[in-house]
Amino acid sequence: MTNAPSPLALWSRLARPVGALLSLAGLVHLLVPARLLSLASTGYDIALDVAFSPRDGATTRVRLLGLAMLATGAHLLYYGGVLPTRE
């Protein structure tokens, strides 16, 4: 047997930092969706050499993604894991 830490122990240490990053990314998606779409267009052009043109409603979808990220991040920050613990 090895003395390696279990994946669950590693996840419990990373849950709050991941939650903070998700919350921050969610806020960015909520506040500046057009800028993110522009950045994606530039990135696709440079890295993949393809044209990226957002369709109608893309900013709304980016904001919805941001809301989901913010909710997930807040949950991880508050509970420190996917499932709430009973203490």
Protein backbone atom coordinates (compact mmCIF):
# COMPACT_ATOMS: atom_id res chain seq x y z
CA MET A 1 0.00 0.00 0.00
CA THR A 2 1.13 3.51 -0.66
CA ASN A 3 0.96 6.51 1.60
CA ALA A 4 -0.31 8.77 -1.17
CA PRO A 5 -3.10 11.14 -0.15
CA SER A 6 -6.54 10.22 -1.38
CA PRO A 7 -8.04 12.23 -4.23
CA LEU A 8 -10.85 13.30 -1.90
CA ALA A 9 -8.36 14.80 0.55
CA LEU A 10 -6.72 16.71 -2.30
CA TRP A 11 -10.11 17.93 -3.54
CA SER A 12 -11.09 19.14 -0.07
CA ARG A 13 -7.94 21.28 0.05
CA LEU A 14 -8.56 22.68 -3.44
CA ALA A 15 -12.33 23.28 -3.23
CA ARG A 16 -12.16 26.81 -1.82
CA PRO A 17 -9.37 28.09 -4.12
CA VAL A 18 -11.22 26.61 -7.11
CA GLY A 19 -14.39 28.27 -5.82
CA ALA A 20 -12.62 31.63 -5.65
CA LEU A 21 -11.33 31.27 -9.21
CA LEU A 22 -14.77 30.24 -10.48
CA SER A 23 -16.37 33.20 -8.70
CA LEU A 24 -13.87 35.61 -10.21
CA ALA A 25 -14.29 34.14 -13.69
CA GLY A 26 -18.07 34.28 -13.28
CA LEU A 27 -17.93 37.97 -12.38
CA VAL A 28 -15.81 38.69 -15.44
CA HIS A 29 -18.30 36.83 -17.64
CA LEU A 30 -21.18 38.82 -16.13
CA LEU A 31 -19.50 42.23 -16.37
CA VAL A 32 -17.68 42.19 -19.72
CA PRO A 33 -19.15 39.51 -22.02
CA ALA A 34 -18.54 41.50 -25.21
CA ARG A 35 -14.87 41.91 -24.33
CA LEU A 36 -14.56 38.15 -23.73
CA LEU A 37 -16.17 37.42 -27.10
CA SER A 38 -13.75 39.83 -28.76
CA LEU A 39 -10.84 38.14 -27.00
CA ALA A 40 -12.12 34.73 -28.15
CA SER A 41 -12.36 36.01 -31.71
CA THR A 42 -8.77 37.25 -31.60
CA GLY A 43 -7.56 34.02 -30.00
CA TYR A 44 -9.30 31.85 -32.61
CA ASP A 45 -7.81 33.98 -35.38
CA ILE A 46 -4.25 33.78 -34.02
CA ALA A 47 -4.14 30.25 -32.63
CA LEU A 48 -6.43 28.36 -35.01
CA ASP A 49 -6.46 30.65 -38.06
CA VAL A 50 -10.25 30.51 -38.27
CA ALA A 51 -12.88 33.23 -38.31
CA PHE A 52 -14.98 33.44 -35.16
CA SER A 53 -18.13 35.53 -35.32
CA PRO A 54 -20.53 35.36 -32.37
CA ARG A 55 -24.18 34.78 -33.28
CA ASP A 56 -27.13 36.72 -31.95
CA GLY A 57 -27.56 36.25 -28.22
CA ALA A 58 -23.94 35.31 -27.59
CA THR A 59 -23.51 37.95 -24.88
CA THR A 60 -26.59 36.61 -23.10
CA ARG A 61 -25.19 33.08 -23.20
CA VAL A 62 -21.84 34.31 -21.88
CA ARG A 63 -23.64 36.05 -19.01
CA LEU A 64 -25.64 32.89 -18.23
CA LEU A 65 -22.41 30.91 -18.14
CA GLY A 66 -21.00 33.55 -15.79
CA LEU A 67 -24.02 33.23 -13.51
CA ALA A 68 -23.56 29.45 -13.35
CA MET A 69 -19.84 29.86 -12.64
CA LEU A 70 -20.55 32.41 -9.91
CA ALA A 71 -23.14 30.17 -8.26
CA THR A 72 -20.82 27.15 -8.38
CA GLY A 73 -17.90 29.16 -7.04
CA ALA A 74 -19.98 30.61 -4.22
CA HIS A 75 -21.14 27.11 -3.27
CA LEU A 76 -17.56 25.81 -3.16
CA LEU A 77 -16.40 28.83 -1.16
CA TYR A 78 -19.20 28.50 1.37
CA TYR A 79 -19.28 24.73 1.84
CA GLY A 80 -15.65 23.89 1.03
CA GLY A 81 -16.69 20.99 -1.19
CA VAL A 82 -19.31 19.67 -3.56
CA LEU A 83 -21.49 18.24 -0.81
CA PRO A 84 -22.25 20.16 2.39
CA THR A 85 -20.86 18.53 5.50
CA ARG A 86 -22.78 18.12 8.72
CA GLU A 87 -20.75 19.43 11.60
